[in-house]
mmCIF file of all heavy atoms, coordinates in Angstrom:
data_MODEL
# 
_entry.id   MODEL 
# 
loop_
_atom_site.group_PDB 
_atom_site.id 
_atom_site.type_symbol 
_atom_site.label_atom_id 
_atom_site.label_alt_id 
_atom_site.label_comp_id 
_atom_site.label_asym_id 
_atom_site.label_entity_id 
_atom_site.label_seq_id 
_atom_site.pdbx_PDB_ins_code 
_atom_site.Cartn_x 
_atom_site.Cartn_y 
_atom_site.Cartn_z 
_atom_site.occupancy 
_atom_site.B_iso_or_equiv 
_atom_site.pdbx_formal_charge 
_atom_site.auth_seq_id 
_atom_site.auth_comp_id 
_atom_site.auth_asym_id 
_atom_site.auth_atom_id 
_atom_site.pdbx_PDB_model_num 
ATOM 1   N N   . ILE A 1 1  ? 0.438  60.967 4.486  1.00 0.00 ? 1  ILE A N   1 
ATOM 2   C CA  . ILE A 1 1  ? -0.285 60.446 3.317  1.00 0.00 ? 1  ILE A CA  1 
ATOM 3   C C   . ILE A 1 1  ? 0.649  60.392 2.112  1.00 0.00 ? 1  ILE A C   1 
ATOM 4   O O   . ILE A 1 1  ? 0.602  59.442 1.321  1.00 0.00 ? 1  ILE A O   1 
ATOM 5   C CB  . ILE A 1 1  ? -1.594 61.232 2.990  1.00 0.00 ? 1  ILE A CB  1 
ATOM 6   C CG1 . ILE A 1 1  ? -2.395 60.552 1.866  1.00 0.00 ? 1  ILE A CG1 1 
ATOM 7   C CG2 . ILE A 1 1  ? -1.324 62.663 2.608  1.00 0.00 ? 1  ILE A CG2 1 
ATOM 8   C CD1 . ILE A 1 1  ? -2.934 59.191 2.187  1.00 0.00 ? 1  ILE A CD1 1 
ATOM 9   N N   . LEU A 1 2  ? 1.534  61.375 1.979  1.00 0.00 ? 2  LEU A N   1 
ATOM 10  C CA  . LEU A 1 2  ? 2.502  61.335 0.879  1.00 0.00 ? 2  LEU A CA  1 
ATOM 11  C C   . LEU A 1 2  ? 3.480  60.169 1.047  1.00 0.00 ? 2  LEU A C   1 
ATOM 12  O O   . LEU A 1 2  ? 3.836  59.510 0.067  1.00 0.00 ? 2  LEU A O   1 
ATOM 13  C CB  . LEU A 1 2  ? 3.265  62.660 0.785  1.00 0.00 ? 2  LEU A CB  1 
ATOM 14  C CG  . LEU A 1 2  ? 2.443  63.882 0.378  1.00 0.00 ? 2  LEU A CG  1 
ATOM 15  C CD1 . LEU A 1 2  ? 3.315  65.140 0.424  1.00 0.00 ? 2  LEU A CD1 1 
ATOM 16  C CD2 . LEU A 1 2  ? 1.816  63.705 -0.991 1.00 0.00 ? 2  LEU A CD2 1 
ATOM 17  N N   . VAL A 1 3  ? 3.900  59.915 2.290  1.00 0.00 ? 3  VAL A N   1 
ATOM 18  C CA  . VAL A 1 3  ? 4.774  58.767 2.563  1.00 0.00 ? 3  VAL A CA  1 
ATOM 19  C C   . VAL A 1 3  ? 4.063  57.480 2.160  1.00 0.00 ? 3  VAL A C   1 
ATOM 20  O O   . VAL A 1 3  ? 4.631  56.632 1.475  1.00 0.00 ? 3  VAL A O   1 
ATOM 21  C CB  . VAL A 1 3  ? 5.194  58.733 4.056  1.00 0.00 ? 3  VAL A CB  1 
ATOM 22  C CG1 . VAL A 1 3  ? 5.726  57.366 4.455  1.00 0.00 ? 3  VAL A CG1 1 
ATOM 23  C CG2 . VAL A 1 3  ? 6.236  59.804 4.344  1.00 0.00 ? 3  VAL A CG2 1 
ATOM 24  N N   . GLU A 1 4  ? 2.829  57.328 2.592  1.00 0.00 ? 4  GLU A N   1 
ATOM 25  C CA  . GLU A 1 4  ? 2.064  56.112 2.275  1.00 0.00 ? 4  GLU A CA  1 
ATOM 26  C C   . GLU A 1 4  ? 1.978  55.889 0.770  1.00 0.00 ? 4  GLU A C   1 
ATOM 27  O O   . GLU A 1 4  ? 2.281  54.809 0.265  1.00 0.00 ? 4  GLU A O   1 
ATOM 28  C CB  . GLU A 1 4  ? 0.663  56.215 2.872  1.00 0.00 ? 4  GLU A CB  1 
ATOM 29  C CG  . GLU A 1 4  ? -0.287 55.116 2.471  1.00 0.00 ? 4  GLU A CG  1 
ATOM 30  C CD  . GLU A 1 4  ? -0.054 53.804 3.194  1.00 0.00 ? 4  GLU A CD  1 
ATOM 31  O OE1 . GLU A 1 4  ? 0.891  53.079 2.827  1.00 0.00 ? 4  GLU A OE1 1 
ATOM 32  O OE2 . GLU A 1 4  ? -0.846 53.509 4.111  1.00 0.00 ? 4  GLU A OE2 1 
ATOM 33  N N   . VAL A 1 5  ? 1.592  56.914 0.044  1.00 0.00 ? 5  VAL A N   1 
ATOM 34  C CA  . VAL A 1 5  ? 1.420  56.792 -1.403 1.00 0.00 ? 5  VAL A CA  1 
ATOM 35  C C   . VAL A 1 5  ? 2.759  56.498 -2.083 1.00 0.00 ? 5  VAL A C   1 
ATOM 36  O O   . VAL A 1 5  ? 2.850  55.616 -2.938 1.00 0.00 ? 5  VAL A O   1 
ATOM 37  C CB  . VAL A 1 5  ? 0.753  58.056 -1.993 1.00 0.00 ? 5  VAL A CB  1 
ATOM 38  C CG1 . VAL A 1 5  ? 0.804  58.059 -3.511 1.00 0.00 ? 5  VAL A CG1 1 
ATOM 39  C CG2 . VAL A 1 5  ? -0.688 58.168 -1.497 1.00 0.00 ? 5  VAL A CG2 1 
ATOM 40  N N   . GLU A 1 6  ? 3.799  57.208 -1.683 1.00 0.00 ? 6  GLU A N   1 
ATOM 41  C CA  . GLU A 1 6  ? 5.094  57.033 -2.359 1.00 0.00 ? 6  GLU A CA  1 
ATOM 42  C C   . GLU A 1 6  ? 5.722  55.674 -2.062 1.00 0.00 ? 6  GLU A C   1 
ATOM 43  O O   . GLU A 1 6  ? 6.296  55.050 -2.961 1.00 0.00 ? 6  GLU A O   1 
ATOM 44  C CB  . GLU A 1 6  ? 6.056  58.163 -1.969 1.00 0.00 ? 6  GLU A CB  1 
ATOM 45  C CG  . GLU A 1 6  ? 7.318  58.192 -2.803 1.00 0.00 ? 6  GLU A CG  1 
ATOM 46  C CD  . GLU A 1 6  ? 7.080  58.392 -4.292 1.00 0.00 ? 6  GLU A CD  1 
ATOM 47  O OE1 . GLU A 1 6  ? 6.081  59.024 -4.693 1.00 0.00 ? 6  GLU A OE1 1 
ATOM 48  O OE2 . GLU A 1 6  ? 7.930  57.907 -5.088 1.00 0.00 ? 6  GLU A OE2 1 
ATOM 49  N N   . ILE A 1 7  ? 5.627  55.193 -0.822 1.00 0.00 ? 7  ILE A N   1 
ATOM 50  C CA  . ILE A 1 7  ? 6.141  53.849 -0.524 1.00 0.00 ? 7  ILE A CA  1 
ATOM 51  C C   . ILE A 1 7  ? 5.422  52.825 -1.393 1.00 0.00 ? 7  ILE A C   1 
ATOM 52  O O   . ILE A 1 7  ? 6.033  51.944 -1.984 1.00 0.00 ? 7  ILE A O   1 
ATOM 53  C CB  . ILE A 1 7  ? 5.982  53.488 0.964  1.00 0.00 ? 7  ILE A CB  1 
ATOM 54  C CG1 . ILE A 1 7  ? 6.931  54.311 1.827  1.00 0.00 ? 7  ILE A CG1 1 
ATOM 55  C CG2 . ILE A 1 7  ? 6.219  51.992 1.193  1.00 0.00 ? 7  ILE A CG2 1 
ATOM 56  C CD1 . ILE A 1 7  ? 6.671  54.178 3.327  1.00 0.00 ? 7  ILE A CD1 1 
ATOM 57  N N   . ARG A 1 8  ? 4.124  52.941 -1.475 1.00 0.00 ? 8  ARG A N   1 
ATOM 58  C CA  . ARG A 1 8  ? 3.340  51.987 -2.264 1.00 0.00 ? 8  ARG A CA  1 
ATOM 59  C C   . ARG A 1 8  ? 3.696  52.076 -3.744 1.00 0.00 ? 8  ARG A C   1 
ATOM 60  O O   . ARG A 1 8  ? 3.785  51.062 -4.429 1.00 0.00 ? 8  ARG A O   1 
ATOM 61  C CB  . ARG A 1 8  ? 1.861  52.171 -2.014 1.00 0.00 ? 8  ARG A CB  1 
ATOM 62  C CG  . ARG A 1 8  ? 1.497  51.718 -0.610 1.00 0.00 ? 8  ARG A CG  1 
ATOM 63  C CD  . ARG A 1 8  ? 0.021  51.836 -0.340 1.00 0.00 ? 8  ARG A CD  1 
ATOM 64  N NE  . ARG A 1 8  ? -0.283 51.375 0.988  1.00 0.00 ? 8  ARG A NE  1 
ATOM 65  C CZ  . ARG A 1 8  ? -0.430 50.099 1.338  1.00 0.00 ? 8  ARG A CZ  1 
ATOM 66  N NH1 . ARG A 1 8  ? -0.282 49.144 0.443  1.00 0.00 ? 8  ARG A NH1 1 
ATOM 67  N NH2 . ARG A 1 8  ? -0.719 49.772 2.579  1.00 0.00 ? 8  ARG A NH2 1 
ATOM 68  N N   . LYS A 1 9  ? 3.925  53.282 -4.245 1.00 0.00 ? 9  LYS A N   1 
ATOM 69  C CA  . LYS A 1 9  ? 4.321  53.427 -5.647 1.00 0.00 ? 9  LYS A CA  1 
ATOM 70  C C   . LYS A 1 9  ? 5.666  52.751 -5.890 1.00 0.00 ? 9  LYS A C   1 
ATOM 71  O O   . LYS A 1 9  ? 5.831  52.026 -6.861 1.00 0.00 ? 9  LYS A O   1 
ATOM 72  C CB  . LYS A 1 9  ? 4.401  54.913 -6.020 1.00 0.00 ? 9  LYS A CB  1 
ATOM 73  C CG  . LYS A 1 9  ? 3.031  55.538 -6.241 1.00 0.00 ? 9  LYS A CG  1 
ATOM 74  C CD  . LYS A 1 9  ? 3.035  57.044 -6.319 1.00 0.00 ? 9  LYS A CD  1 
ATOM 75  C CE  . LYS A 1 9  ? 3.899  57.663 -7.341 1.00 0.00 ? 9  LYS A CE  1 
ATOM 76  N NZ  . LYS A 1 9  ? 3.752  59.149 -7.381 1.00 0.00 ? 9  LYS A NZ  1 
ATOM 77  N N   . ARG A 1 10 ? 6.603  52.963 -4.999 1.00 0.00 ? 10 ARG A N   1 
ATOM 78  C CA  . ARG A 1 10 ? 7.955  52.429 -5.196 1.00 0.00 ? 10 ARG A CA  1 
ATOM 79  C C   . ARG A 1 10 ? 8.044  50.918 -4.966 1.00 0.00 ? 10 ARG A C   1 
ATOM 80  O O   . ARG A 1 10 ? 8.990  50.288 -5.414 1.00 0.00 ? 10 ARG A O   1 
ATOM 81  C CB  . ARG A 1 10 ? 8.951  53.134 -4.276 1.00 0.00 ? 10 ARG A CB  1 
ATOM 82  C CG  . ARG A 1 10 ? 9.172  54.584 -4.654 1.00 0.00 ? 10 ARG A CG  1 
ATOM 83  C CD  . ARG A 1 10 ? 10.335 55.158 -3.912 1.00 0.00 ? 10 ARG A CD  1 
ATOM 84  N NE  . ARG A 1 10 ? 10.366 56.596 -4.003 1.00 0.00 ? 10 ARG A NE  1 
ATOM 85  C CZ  . ARG A 1 10 ? 11.296 57.344 -3.442 1.00 0.00 ? 10 ARG A CZ  1 
ATOM 86  N NH1 . ARG A 1 10 ? 12.274 56.782 -2.743 1.00 0.00 ? 10 ARG A NH1 1 
ATOM 87  N NH2 . ARG A 1 10 ? 11.258 58.646 -3.560 1.00 0.00 ? 10 ARG A NH2 1 
ATOM 88  N N   . THR A 1 11 ? 7.084  50.359 -4.240 1.00 0.00 ? 11 THR A N   1 
ATOM 89  C CA  . THR A 1 11 ? 7.130  48.920 -3.952 1.00 0.00 ? 11 THR A CA  1 
ATOM 90  C C   . THR A 1 11 ? 6.017  48.153 -4.662 1.00 0.00 ? 11 THR A C   1 
ATOM 91  O O   . THR A 1 11 ? 5.759  47.001 -4.323 1.00 0.00 ? 11 THR A O   1 
ATOM 92  C CB  . THR A 1 11 ? 7.024  48.659 -2.434 1.00 0.00 ? 11 THR A CB  1 
ATOM 93  O OG1 . THR A 1 11 ? 5.739  49.070 -1.958 1.00 0.00 ? 11 THR A OG1 1 
ATOM 94  C CG2 . THR A 1 11 ? 8.144  49.349 -1.660 1.00 0.00 ? 11 THR A CG2 1 
ATOM 95  N N   . SER A 1 12 ? 5.379  48.784 -5.604 1.00 0.00 ? 12 SER A N   1 
ATOM 96  C CA  . SER A 1 12 ? 4.250  48.165 -6.319 1.00 0.00 ? 12 SER A CA  1 
ATOM 97  C C   . SER A 1 12 ? 3.199  47.654 -5.338 1.00 0.00 ? 12 SER A C   1 
ATOM 98  O O   . SER A 1 12 ? 2.682  46.544 -5.482 1.00 0.00 ? 12 SER A O   1 
ATOM 99  C CB  . SER A 1 12 ? 4.750  47.030 -7.227 1.00 0.00 ? 12 SER A CB  1 
ATOM 100 O OG  . SER A 1 12 ? 5.648  47.523 -8.185 1.00 0.00 ? 12 SER A OG  1 
ATOM 101 N N   . ASN A 1 13 ? 2.908  48.448 -4.334 1.00 0.00 ? 13 ASN A N   1 
ATOM 102 C CA  . ASN A 1 13 ? 1.890  48.167 -3.310 1.00 0.00 ? 13 ASN A CA  1 
ATOM 103 C C   . ASN A 1 13 ? 2.229  46.965 -2.424 1.00 0.00 ? 13 ASN A C   1 
ATOM 104 O O   . ASN A 1 13 ? 1.364  46.463 -1.717 1.00 0.00 ? 13 ASN A O   1 
ATOM 105 C CB  . ASN A 1 13 ? 0.506  47.992 -3.933 1.00 0.00 ? 13 ASN A CB  1 
ATOM 106 C CG  . ASN A 1 13 ? -0.027 49.286 -4.475 1.00 0.00 ? 13 ASN A CG  1 
ATOM 107 O OD1 . ASN A 1 13 ? 0.148  50.340 -3.877 1.00 0.00 ? 13 ASN A OD1 1 
ATOM 108 N ND2 . ASN A 1 13 ? -0.663 49.222 -5.624 1.00 0.00 ? 13 ASN A ND2 1 
ATOM 109 N N   . LYS A 1 14 ? 3.478  46.541 -2.429 1.00 0.00 ? 14 LYS A N   1 
ATOM 110 C CA  . LYS A 1 14 ? 3.860  45.419 -1.573 1.00 0.00 ? 14 LYS A CA  1 
ATOM 111 C C   . LYS A 1 14 ? 4.151  45.866 -0.148 1.00 0.00 ? 14 LYS A C   1 
ATOM 112 O O   . LYS A 1 14 ? 4.085  45.072 0.785  1.00 0.00 ? 14 LYS A O   1 
ATOM 113 C CB  . LYS A 1 14 ? 5.072  44.702 -2.154 1.00 0.00 ? 14 LYS A CB  1 
ATOM 114 C CG  . LYS A 1 14 ? 4.748  43.954 -3.444 1.00 0.00 ? 14 LYS A CG  1 
ATOM 115 C CD  . LYS A 1 14 ? 5.966  43.242 -3.987 1.00 0.00 ? 14 LYS A CD  1 
ATOM 116 C CE  . LYS A 1 14 ? 5.625  42.461 -5.223 1.00 0.00 ? 14 LYS A CE  1 
ATOM 117 N NZ  . LYS A 1 14 ? 5.483  43.286 -6.407 1.00 0.00 ? 14 LYS A NZ  1 
ATOM 118 N N   . LYS A 1 15 ? 4.494  47.127 0.018  1.00 0.00 ? 15 LYS A N   1 
ATOM 119 C CA  . LYS A 1 15 ? 4.758  47.678 1.348  1.00 0.00 ? 15 LYS A CA  1 
ATOM 120 C C   . LYS A 1 15 ? 4.094  49.034 1.452  1.00 0.00 ? 15 LYS A C   1 
ATOM 121 O O   . LYS A 1 15 ? 3.755  49.654 0.452  1.00 0.00 ? 15 LYS A O   1 
ATOM 122 C CB  . LYS A 1 15 ? 6.257  47.787 1.599  1.00 0.00 ? 15 LYS A CB  1 
ATOM 123 C CG  . LYS A 1 15 ? 6.915  46.424 1.630  1.00 0.00 ? 15 LYS A CG  1 
ATOM 124 C CD  . LYS A 1 15 ? 8.285  46.481 2.184  1.00 0.00 ? 15 LYS A CD  1 
ATOM 125 C CE  . LYS A 1 15 ? 8.823  45.046 2.223  1.00 0.00 ? 15 LYS A CE  1 
ATOM 126 N NZ  . LYS A 1 15 ? 10.157 44.982 2.727  1.00 0.00 ? 15 LYS A NZ  1 
ATOM 127 N N   . GLY A 1 16 ? 3.918  49.476 2.700  1.00 0.00 ? 16 GLY A N   1 
ATOM 128 C CA  . GLY A 1 16 ? 3.288  50.756 2.929  1.00 0.00 ? 16 GLY A CA  1 
ATOM 129 C C   . GLY A 1 16 ? 3.690  51.320 4.275  1.00 0.00 ? 16 GLY A C   1 
ATOM 130 O O   . GLY A 1 16 ? 4.639  50.857 4.915  1.00 0.00 ? 16 GLY A O   1 
ATOM 131 N N   . LEU A 1 17 ? 2.938  52.292 4.706  1.00 0.00 ? 17 LEU A N   1 
ATOM 132 C CA  . LEU A 1 17 ? 3.214  52.971 5.971  1.00 0.00 ? 17 LEU A CA  1 
ATOM 133 C C   . LEU A 1 17 ? 3.202  51.998 7.143  1.00 0.00 ? 17 LEU A C   1 
ATOM 134 O O   . LEU A 1 17 ? 3.981  52.141 8.086  1.00 0.00 ? 17 LEU A O   1 
ATOM 135 C CB  . LEU A 1 17 ? 2.188  54.093 6.179  1.00 0.00 ? 17 LEU A CB  1 
ATOM 136 C CG  . LEU A 1 17 ? 2.344  54.937 7.422  1.00 0.00 ? 17 LEU A CG  1 
ATOM 137 C CD1 . LEU A 1 17 ? 3.717  55.586 7.503  1.00 0.00 ? 17 LEU A CD1 1 
ATOM 138 C CD2 . LEU A 1 17 ? 1.245  55.994 7.462  1.00 0.00 ? 17 LEU A CD2 1 
ATOM 139 N N   . GLU A 1 18 ? 2.345  51.002 7.084  1.00 0.00 ? 18 GLU A N   1 
ATOM 140 C CA  . GLU A 1 18 ? 2.275  50.014 8.173  1.00 0.00 ? 18 GLU A CA  1 
ATOM 141 C C   . GLU A 1 18 ? 3.637  49.370 8.403  1.00 0.00 ? 18 GLU A C   1 
ATOM 142 O O   . GLU A 1 18 ? 4.093  49.253 9.546  1.00 0.00 ? 18 GLU A O   1 
ATOM 143 C CB  . GLU A 1 18 ? 1.233  48.946 7.840  1.00 0.00 ? 18 GLU A CB  1 
ATOM 144 C CG  . GLU A 1 18 ? 1.095  47.880 8.907  1.00 0.00 ? 18 GLU A CG  1 
ATOM 145 C CD  . GLU A 1 18 ? 0.048  46.834 8.555  1.00 0.00 ? 18 GLU A CD  1 
ATOM 146 O OE1 . GLU A 1 18 ? -0.763 47.053 7.636  1.00 0.00 ? 18 GLU A OE1 1 
ATOM 147 O OE2 . GLU A 1 18 ? 0.063  45.790 9.213  1.00 0.00 ? 18 GLU A OE2 1 
ATOM 148 N N   . GLN A 1 19 ? 4.311  48.959 7.338  1.00 0.00 ? 19 GLN A N   1 
ATOM 149 C CA  . GLN A 1 19 ? 5.616  48.323 7.482  1.00 0.00 ? 19 GLN A CA  1 
ATOM 150 C C   . GLN A 1 19 ? 6.659  49.320 7.989  1.00 0.00 ? 19 GLN A C   1 
ATOM 151 O O   . GLN A 1 19 ? 7.522  48.964 8.785  1.00 0.00 ? 19 GLN A O   1 
ATOM 152 C CB  . GLN A 1 19 ? 6.075  47.703 6.155  1.00 0.00 ? 19 GLN A CB  1 
ATOM 153 C CG  . GLN A 1 19 ? 5.381  46.409 5.827  1.00 0.00 ? 19 GLN A CG  1 
ATOM 154 C CD  . GLN A 1 19 ? 3.912  46.609 5.516  1.00 0.00 ? 19 GLN A CD  1 
ATOM 155 O OE1 . GLN A 1 19 ? 3.524  47.595 4.911  1.00 0.00 ? 19 GLN A OE1 1 
ATOM 156 N NE2 . GLN A 1 19 ? 3.091  45.675 5.939  1.00 0.00 ? 19 GLN A NE2 1 
ATOM 157 N N   . ALA A 1 20 ? 6.579  50.557 7.528  1.00 0.00 ? 20 ALA A N   1 
ATOM 158 C CA  . ALA A 1 20 ? 7.506  51.580 7.996  1.00 0.00 ? 20 ALA A CA  1 
ATOM 159 C C   . ALA A 1 20 ? 7.358  51.791 9.503  1.00 0.00 ? 20 ALA A C   1 
ATOM 160 O O   . ALA A 1 20 ? 8.349  51.820 10.238 1.00 0.00 ? 20 ALA A O   1 
ATOM 161 C CB  . ALA A 1 20 ? 7.275  52.896 7.253  1.00 0.00 ? 20 ALA A CB  1 
ATOM 162 N N   . LEU A 1 21 ? 6.126  51.913 9.969  1.00 0.00 ? 21 LEU A N   1 
ATOM 163 C CA  . LEU A 1 21 ? 5.895  52.147 11.397 1.00 0.00 ? 21 LEU A CA  1 
ATOM 164 C C   . LEU A 1 21 ? 6.272  50.937 12.245 1.00 0.00 ? 21 LEU A C   1 
ATOM 165 O O   . LEU A 1 21 ? 6.817  51.087 13.338 1.00 0.00 ? 21 LEU A O   1 
ATOM 166 C CB  . LEU A 1 21 ? 4.441  52.551 11.634 1.00 0.00 ? 21 LEU A CB  1 
ATOM 167 C CG  . LEU A 1 21 ? 4.047  53.897 11.022 1.00 0.00 ? 21 LEU A CG  1 
ATOM 168 C CD1 . LEU A 1 21 ? 2.558  54.156 11.213 1.00 0.00 ? 21 LEU A CD1 1 
ATOM 169 C CD2 . LEU A 1 21 ? 4.876  55.038 11.591 1.00 0.00 ? 21 LEU A CD2 1 
ATOM 170 N N   . ARG A 1 22 ? 6.029  49.751 11.727 1.00 0.00 ? 22 ARG A N   1 
ATOM 171 C CA  . ARG A 1 22 ? 6.454  48.546 12.444 1.00 0.00 ? 22 ARG A CA  1 
ATOM 172 C C   . ARG A 1 22 ? 7.979  48.494 12.549 1.00 0.00 ? 22 ARG A C   1 
ATOM 173 O O   . ARG A 1 22 ? 8.531  48.111 13.580 1.00 0.00 ? 22 ARG A O   1 
ATOM 174 C CB  . ARG A 1 22 ? 5.920  47.293 11.765 1.00 0.00 ? 22 ARG A CB  1 
ATOM 175 C CG  . ARG A 1 22 ? 4.435  47.080 11.946 1.00 0.00 ? 22 ARG A CG  1 
ATOM 176 C CD  . ARG A 1 22 ? 3.970  45.844 11.164 1.00 0.00 ? 22 ARG A CD  1 
ATOM 177 N NE  . ARG A 1 22 ? 2.554  45.701 11.189 1.00 0.00 ? 22 ARG A NE  1 
ATOM 178 C CZ  . ARG A 1 22 ? 1.873  45.039 12.134 1.00 0.00 ? 22 ARG A CZ  1 
ATOM 179 N NH1 . ARG A 1 22 ? 2.522  44.451 13.110 1.00 0.00 ? 22 ARG A NH1 1 
ATOM 180 N NH2 . ARG A 1 22 ? 0.561  44.962 12.072 1.00 0.00 ? 22 ARG A NH2 1 
ATOM 181 N N   . GLY A 1 23 ? 8.663  48.867 11.466 1.00 0.00 ? 23 GLY A N   1 
ATOM 182 C CA  . GLY A 1 23 ? 10.120 48.899 11.479 1.00 0.00 ? 23 GLY A CA  1 
ATOM 183 C C   . GLY A 1 23 ? 10.657 49.917 12.462 1.00 0.00 ? 23 GLY A C   1 
ATOM 184 O O   . GLY A 1 23 ? 11.653 49.668 13.160 1.00 0.00 ? 23 GLY A O   1 
ATOM 185 N N   . ILE A 1 24 ? 10.011 51.061 12.534 1.00 0.00 ? 24 ILE A N   1 
ATOM 186 C CA  . ILE A 1 24 ? 10.409 52.088 13.500 1.00 0.00 ? 24 ILE A CA  1 
ATOM 187 C C   . ILE A 1 24 ? 10.233 51.570 14.919 1.00 0.00 ? 24 ILE A C   1 
ATOM 188 O O   . ILE A 1 24 ? 11.140 51.682 15.753 1.00 0.00 ? 24 ILE A O   1 
ATOM 189 C CB  . ILE A 1 24 ? 9.610  53.388 13.275 1.00 0.00 ? 24 ILE A CB  1 
ATOM 190 C CG1 . ILE A 1 24 ? 10.052 54.046 11.963 1.00 0.00 ? 24 ILE A CG1 1 
ATOM 191 C CG2 . ILE A 1 24 ? 9.770  54.335 14.456 1.00 0.00 ? 24 ILE A CG2 1 
ATOM 192 C CD1 . ILE A 1 24 ? 9.154  55.171 11.496 1.00 0.00 ? 24 ILE A CD1 1 
# 
């Protein structure tokens, strides 16, 4: 949940955990 929130904060909600998991 911290990863999700922080990715969204750093990308202005343009990316999130979904993109991270797809990349993995």
